[in-house]
C-alpha atoms as a PDB file:
ATOM      1  CA  MET A   1     -11.162   3.076  -1.544  1.00  0.00           C
ATOM      2  CA  THR A   2      -8.078   4.656  -3.347  1.00  0.00           C
ATOM      3  CA  GLU A   3      -5.210   2.173  -4.428  1.00  0.00           C
ATOM      4  CA  LEU A   4      -1.823   3.646  -3.619  1.00  0.00           C
ATOM      5  CA  ILE A   5       0.852   1.010  -4.079  1.00  0.00           C
ATOM      6  CA  ARG A   6       0.700  -2.441  -5.818  1.00  0.00           C
ATOM      7  CA  SER A   7       3.656  -4.634  -5.269  1.00  0.00           C
ATOM      8  CA  ASN A   8       4.584  -8.243  -4.549  1.00  0.00           C
ATOM      9  CA  ASP A   9       7.320  -6.807  -2.134  1.00  0.00           C
ATOM     10  CA  ILE A  10       6.016  -7.544   1.423  1.00  0.00           C
ATOM     11  CA  VAL A  11       8.508  -5.490   3.182  1.00  0.00           C
ATOM     12  CA  LEU A  12       7.521  -2.496   1.068  1.00  0.00           C
ATOM     13  CA  ILE A  13       3.839  -3.105   1.858  1.00  0.00           C
ATOM     14  CA  GLY A  14       4.407  -3.557   5.497  1.00  0.00           C
ATOM     15  CA  PHE A  15       6.772  -0.175   5.887  1.00  0.00           C
ATOM     16  CA  ALA A  16       3.897   1.642   3.967  1.00  0.00           C
ATOM     17  CA  GLU A  17       1.353   0.219   6.081  1.00  0.00           C
ATOM     18  CA  SER A  18       3.198   1.304   9.352  1.00  0.00           C
ATOM     19  CA  LEU A  19       3.641   4.787   8.077  1.00  0.00           C
ATOM     20  CA  LEU A  20       0.099   5.132   7.454  1.00  0.00           C
ATOM     21  CA  ALA A  21      -0.829   3.750  10.761  1.00  0.00           C
ATOM     22  CA  SER A  22       1.399   5.920  12.740  1.00  0.00           C
ATOM     23  CA  ALA A  23      -0.234   8.737  11.035  1.00  0.00           C
ATOM     24  CA  GLU A  24      -3.788   7.354  11.940  1.00  0.00           C
ATOM     25  CA  ILE A  25      -4.507   6.802   8.375  1.00  0.00           C
ATOM     26  CA  PRO A  26      -6.732   3.838   7.921  1.00  0.00           C
ATOM     27  CA  ALA A  27      -5.306   1.258   5.419  1.00  0.00           C
ATOM     28  CA  PHE A  28      -6.234  -2.088   3.815  1.00  0.00           C
ATOM     29  CA  VAL A  29      -4.049  -4.558   2.184  1.00  0.00           C
ATOM     30  CA  ALA A  30      -5.931  -6.149  -0.660  1.00  0.00           C
ATOM     31  CA  ASN A  31      -4.941  -9.742  -1.860  1.00  0.00           C
ATOM     32  CA  GLY A  32      -2.350 -10.388   0.974  1.00  0.00           C
ATOM     33  CA  HIS A  33      -3.991 -13.825   1.679  1.00  0.00           C
ATOM     34  CA  MET A  34      -4.370 -14.741  -1.931  1.00  0.00           C
ATOM     35  CA  SER A  35      -0.703 -13.596  -2.580  1.00  0.00           C
ATOM     36  CA  GLY A  36       0.177 -16.151   0.153  1.00  0.00           C
ATOM     37  CA  LEU A  37      -2.128 -18.942  -1.338  1.00  0.00           C
ATOM     38  CA  GLU A  38      -0.550 -18.784  -4.691  1.00  0.00           C
ATOM     39  CA  GLY A  39       2.911 -19.310  -3.278  1.00  0.00           C
ATOM     40  CA  SER A  40       4.138 -15.702  -3.650  1.00  0.00           C
ATOM     41  CA  ILE A  41       4.981 -16.554  -7.372  1.00  0.00           C
ATOM     42  CA  GLY A  42       3.814 -13.041  -7.943  1.00  0.00           C
ATOM     43  CA  ALA A  43       0.772 -13.694  -9.960  1.00  0.00           C
ATOM     44  CA  PHE A  44      -1.413 -11.665  -7.530  1.00  0.00           C
ATOM     45  CA  ALA A  45       0.260  -8.370  -6.133  1.00  0.00           C
ATOM     46  CA  ARG A  46      -0.823  -6.965  -2.573  1.00  0.00           C
ATOM     47  CA  ARG A  47      -2.518  -3.615  -3.034  1.00  0.00           C
ATOM     48  CA  LEU A  48      -2.363  -0.945  -0.381  1.00  0.00           C
ATOM     49  CA  LEU A  49      -5.752   0.850  -0.219  1.00  0.00           C
ATOM     50  CA  VAL A  50      -7.100   3.883   1.736  1.00  0.00           C
ATOM     51  CA  PRO A  51     -10.474   5.619   1.914  1.00  0.00           C
ATOM     52  CA  ALA A  52     -10.766   8.215  -0.666  1.00  0.00           C
ATOM     53  CA  ASP A  53     -10.977  11.053   1.672  1.00  0.00           C
ATOM     54  CA  HIS A  54      -7.315  10.162   3.020  1.00  0.00           C
ATOM     55  CA  ALA A  55      -5.720   9.759  -0.290  1.00  0.00           C
ATOM     56  CA  VAL A  56      -4.090  13.057  -0.429  1.00  0.00           C
ATOM     57  CA  GLN A  57      -2.677  12.923   2.800  1.00  0.00           C
ATOM     58  CA  ALA A  58      -1.459   9.532   2.692  1.00  0.00           C
ATOM     59  CA  ARG A  59       0.172  10.256  -0.787  1.00  0.00           C
ATOM     60  CA  ARG A  60       1.987  13.037   1.011  1.00  0.00           C
ATOM     61  CA  LEU A  61       3.411  10.977   3.820  1.00  0.00           C
ATOM     62  CA  LEU A  62       4.565   8.396   1.427  1.00  0.00           C
ATOM     63  CA  THR A  63       6.024  10.673  -0.864  1.00  0.00           C
ATOM     64  CA  GLU A  64       7.855  12.343   2.097  1.00  0.00           C
ATOM     65  CA  ALA A  65       9.168   8.903   3.018  1.00  0.00           C
ATOM     66  CA  GLY A  66      10.724   8.387  -0.175  1.00  0.00           C
ATOM     67  CA  LEU A  67       8.101   6.144  -1.711  1.00  0.00           C
ATOM     68  CA  ALA A  68       6.821   8.429  -4.523  1.00  0.00           C
ATOM     69  CA  HIS A  69       8.343   6.013  -7.072  1.00  0.00           C
ATOM     70  CA  GLU A  70       6.100   3.269  -5.718  1.00  0.00           C
ATOM     71  CA  LEU A  71       2.750   5.089  -5.639  1.00  0.00           C
ATOM     72  CA  ARG A  72       0.080   4.408  -8.520  1.00  0.00           C
ATOM     73  CA  ASP A  73      -0.929   7.290 -10.697  1.00  0.00           C
ATOM     74  CA  ALA A  74      -3.623   9.346  -9.037  1.00  0.00           C
END
């Protein structure tokens, strides 16, 4: 799995996840439940992950959607 975005912004993660889903790119949000358990104080950021073989396509899609500044380094 390749980490694309790490953020406490649930709207950002949800938007990116829906973009990937619409392009049929499998995605997984890690730490989603942990972030909720700690009270959303920001101690555990949510991480958007995709399979390594979909990472290039996912990065391109998120960049075209204007989220290039949110992407983790490749």
